[in-house]
Amino acid sequence: MNKKKQEKKERNKLDKEWKQQIKLRDVGCVICGVSERANCHHIISRNIKELRHDVMNGILLCPSHHKWGTFSAHKNGLWFTNWLIEHRNEQYVYLSKFIQKFK
């Protein structure tokens, strides 16, 4: 197997483990409690390699609060950030400290 395929296989394995950890911790959407079709959301883009598999960078959201609703992490970042500060401050502080390193 070539190096790129091996790296992708390992990344996919880690992605799956990350999702399992988020689902075990949060059970249902952390905002409304809905568990059907709940999605694991990266608070900071998964393109930031250092945080991609960090469970503190994940949160479980129903489809409405993840992508589709007016008040969703993808459509209303300011609302979601404020929600995170109020309800998941430990995660917000942790991620904020990480981001400060890159300024």
Protein backbone atom coordinates (compact mmCIF):
# COMPACT_ATOMS: atom_id res chain seq x y z
CA MET A 1 0.00 0.00 0.00
CA ASN A 2 1.40 3.40 -0.89
CA LYS A 3 2.01 6.10 1.71
CA LYS A 4 -1.02 8.29 0.79
CA LYS A 5 -3.43 5.36 1.00
CA GLN A 6 -1.98 4.30 4.33
CA GLU A 7 -2.30 7.85 5.71
CA LYS A 8 -5.92 8.06 4.52
CA LYS A 9 -6.73 4.68 6.08
CA GLU A 10 -5.25 5.80 9.42
CA ARG A 11 -7.05 9.17 9.26
CA ASN A 12 -10.38 7.44 8.56
CA LYS A 13 -9.80 5.12 11.52
CA LEU A 14 -9.06 8.09 13.80
CA ASP A 15 -12.11 9.97 12.42
CA LYS A 16 -14.33 7.01 13.34
CA GLU A 17 -12.85 6.77 16.85
CA TRP A 18 -13.29 10.55 17.33
CA LYS A 19 -16.96 10.32 16.33
CA GLN A 20 -17.54 7.42 18.74
CA GLN A 21 -16.01 9.38 21.62
CA ILE A 22 -18.15 12.45 20.87
CA LYS A 23 -21.34 10.35 20.66
CA LEU A 24 -20.54 8.59 23.94
CA ARG A 25 -19.89 11.87 25.72
CA ASP A 26 -22.77 13.95 24.36
CA VAL A 27 -25.44 11.24 23.69
CA GLY A 28 -27.81 13.59 21.76
CA CYS A 29 -27.77 17.10 20.40
CA VAL A 30 -26.24 19.19 23.17
CA ILE A 31 -28.61 22.06 22.37
CA CYS A 32 -32.02 20.37 22.07
CA GLY A 33 -31.44 16.73 23.08
CA VAL A 34 -32.52 15.12 19.79
CA SER A 35 -30.49 11.97 19.19
CA GLU A 36 -31.87 10.85 15.81
CA ARG A 37 -29.36 11.52 13.03
CA ALA A 38 -27.13 13.54 15.37
CA ASN A 39 -23.92 14.75 13.73
CA CYS A 40 -20.46 15.19 15.16
CA HIS A 41 -19.38 18.76 14.48
CA HIS A 42 -15.82 20.10 14.50
CA ILE A 43 -15.98 23.42 16.35
CA ILE A 44 -12.75 24.49 14.65
CA SER A 45 -12.30 23.15 11.12
CA ARG A 46 -11.05 19.60 10.86
CA ASN A 47 -8.50 20.96 8.38
CA ILE A 48 -6.51 22.13 11.42
CA LYS A 49 -4.59 18.88 11.85
CA GLU A 50 -3.63 19.49 15.48
CA LEU A 51 -7.32 19.59 16.48
CA ARG A 52 -8.92 17.19 13.99
CA HIS A 53 -9.07 14.27 16.44
CA ASP A 54 -9.19 16.22 19.70
CA VAL A 55 -12.51 15.45 21.43
CA MET A 56 -12.54 18.96 22.89
CA ASN A 57 -12.95 20.17 19.31
CA GLY A 58 -16.12 18.15 18.82
CA ILE A 59 -19.74 18.48 19.75
CA LEU A 60 -22.85 16.45 18.89
CA LEU A 61 -25.62 18.35 17.10
CA CYS A 62 -28.93 17.45 15.46
CA PRO A 63 -29.12 18.29 11.73
CA SER A 64 -31.00 21.52 12.48
CA HIS A 65 -28.41 22.81 14.95
CA HIS A 66 -25.53 21.50 12.85
CA LYS A 67 -26.19 22.75 9.31
CA TRP A 68 -29.77 23.46 8.35
CA GLY A 69 -31.45 25.71 10.91
CA THR A 70 -31.20 29.48 11.19
CA PHE A 71 -29.55 28.87 14.54
CA SER A 72 -26.95 26.32 13.50
CA ALA A 73 -23.20 26.05 13.87
CA HIS A 74 -22.65 26.40 10.13
CA LYS A 75 -25.17 29.13 9.32
CA ASN A 76 -24.78 31.33 12.37
CA GLY A 77 -21.25 31.15 13.78
CA LEU A 78 -21.73 34.11 16.13
CA TRP A 79 -24.82 32.55 17.70
CA PHE A 80 -23.03 29.21 18.04
CA THR A 81 -19.94 30.83 19.59
CA ASN A 82 -22.12 32.61 22.14
CA TRP A 83 -23.96 29.35 22.90
CA LEU A 84 -20.62 27.60 23.37
CA ILE A 85 -19.37 30.31 25.75
CA GLU A 86 -22.53 30.04 27.85
CA HIS A 87 -23.05 26.27 27.86
CA ARG A 88 -19.68 24.68 27.10
CA ASN A 89 -17.26 27.27 28.43
CA GLU A 90 -14.56 24.71 29.20
CA GLN A 91 -14.42 23.74 25.53
CA TYR A 92 -14.50 27.36 24.39
CA VAL A 93 -11.61 28.32 26.70
CA TYR A 94 -9.58 25.27 25.67
CA LEU A 95 -10.02 25.99 21.96
CA SER A 96 -9.42 29.72 22.42
CA LYS A 97 -6.05 29.01 24.03
CA PHE A 98 -5.13 26.80 21.11
CA ILE A 99 -6.08 29.50 18.59
CA GLN A 100 -4.01 32.10 20.47
CA LYS A 101 -0.90 30.11 19.56
CA PHE A 102 -1.52 30.83 15.88
CA LYS A 103 -1.99 34.61 16.06
